[in-house]
Protein backbone atom coordinates (compact mmCIF):
# COMPACT_ATOMS: atom_id res chain seq x y z
CA UNK A 1 -9.83 12.26 -36.71
CA UNK A 2 -9.37 10.46 -33.38
CA UNK A 3 -11.84 11.01 -30.87
CA UNK A 4 -11.01 13.89 -28.04
CA UNK A 5 -11.00 12.42 -24.46
CA UNK A 6 -10.97 15.70 -22.67
CA UNK A 7 -14.70 16.28 -22.14
CA UNK A 8 -15.28 12.67 -21.09
CA UNK A 9 -12.49 12.67 -18.82
CA UNK A 10 -13.45 16.09 -17.37
CA UNK A 11 -16.95 15.26 -16.78
CA UNK A 12 -15.76 12.16 -15.15
CA UNK A 13 -13.45 14.20 -13.00
CA UNK A 14 -15.99 16.86 -11.89
CA UNK A 15 -18.30 14.11 -11.01
CA UNK A 16 -15.91 12.36 -8.48
CA UNK A 17 -15.11 15.79 -7.02
CA UNK A 18 -19.05 16.59 -6.46
CA UNK A 19 -19.39 12.87 -5.18
CA UNK A 20 -16.51 13.43 -2.76
CA UNK A 21 -17.72 16.64 -1.32
CA UNK A 22 -21.31 15.23 -0.85
CA UNK A 23 -20.32 11.77 0.49
CA UNK A 24 -16.62 11.80 1.38
CA UNK A 25 -16.88 11.71 4.78
CA UNK A 26 -19.68 9.17 4.78
CA UNK A 27 -18.44 5.63 5.56
CA UNK A 28 -21.68 4.10 4.44
CA UNK A 29 -21.76 5.45 0.95
CA UNK A 30 -20.05 3.61 -1.88
CA UNK A 31 -20.36 3.78 -5.56
CA UNK A 32 -22.64 1.33 -7.12
CA UNK A 33 -23.81 1.02 -10.66
CA UNK A 34 -21.76 3.65 -13.08
CA UNK A 35 -23.81 4.67 -16.36
CA UNK A 36 -22.18 6.78 -18.73
CA UNK A 37 -24.13 7.99 -21.98
CA UNK A 38 -22.22 9.70 -24.67
CA UNK A 39 -23.57 11.61 -27.77
CA UNK A 40 -21.06 11.12 -30.95
CA UNK A 41 -21.63 14.07 -33.76
CA UNK A 42 -20.48 12.62 -36.95
CA UNK A 43 -20.39 14.72 -40.29
CA UNK A 44 -22.26 12.85 -43.19
CA UNK A 45 -21.88 14.72 -46.25
CA UNK A 46 -23.91 17.96 -45.44
CA UNK A 47 -25.83 16.37 -42.64
CA UNK A 48 -24.85 15.88 -38.75
CA UNK A 49 -25.28 12.41 -37.29
CA UNK A 50 -25.88 11.71 -33.76
CA UNK A 51 -24.84 8.29 -32.39
CA UNK A 52 -25.78 7.63 -28.70
CA UNK A 53 -23.57 5.07 -26.78
CA UNK A 54 -23.94 3.81 -23.16
CA UNK A 55 -22.05 1.71 -21.23
CA UNK A 56 -22.90 0.58 -17.52
CA UNK A 57 -20.57 -1.17 -15.17
CA UNK A 58 -23.08 -3.61 -14.09
CA UNK A 59 -25.14 -4.68 -16.75
CA UNK A 60 -26.67 -7.96 -15.26
CA UNK A 61 -30.00 -6.47 -14.33
CA UNK A 62 -31.62 -4.41 -17.13
CA UNK A 63 -34.32 -3.34 -14.89
CA UNK A 64 -31.25 -1.54 -12.68
CA UNK A 65 -30.36 0.27 -16.00
CA UNK A 66 -33.88 1.55 -16.83
CA UNK A 67 -34.18 2.41 -13.48
CA UNK A 68 -31.10 4.75 -13.62
CA UNK A 69 -32.26 6.30 -16.79
CA UNK A 70 -35.40 7.05 -15.26
CA UNK A 71 -33.80 8.83 -12.40
CA UNK A 72 -31.31 10.61 -14.48
CA UNK A 73 -34.38 11.77 -16.59
CA UNK A 74 -36.18 13.03 -13.76
CA UNK A 75 -33.12 14.84 -12.19
CA UNK A 76 -32.65 16.37 -15.55
CA UNK A 77 -36.42 17.33 -15.86
CA UNK A 78 -36.11 18.73 -12.69
CA UNK A 79 -33.28 20.96 -12.94
CA UNK A 80 -35.00 22.55 -15.78
CA UNK A 81 -38.16 23.69 -14.01
CA UNK A 82 -39.86 20.92 -15.21
CA UNK A 83 -40.75 19.22 -12.09
CA UNK A 84 -40.23 15.66 -12.50
CA UNK A 85 -39.95 12.76 -10.00
């Protein structure tokens, strides 16, 4: 079964629209690192397996990747009312 690209494409498009709305007129703003995290669900007999895949456009600095992941975690935690950083 081929993978449906619709979810990933829709999410990326929505993110670009949100960035354009927030920063579109700011000549000092530019896109830096881009990190995508995708969960792939696979049926394995009666079980569903979850694989997580990640890709970053600039993986030269592993500490930058860790920092982005922690910032994303704090954003998610905060959006669910858990405080976070």
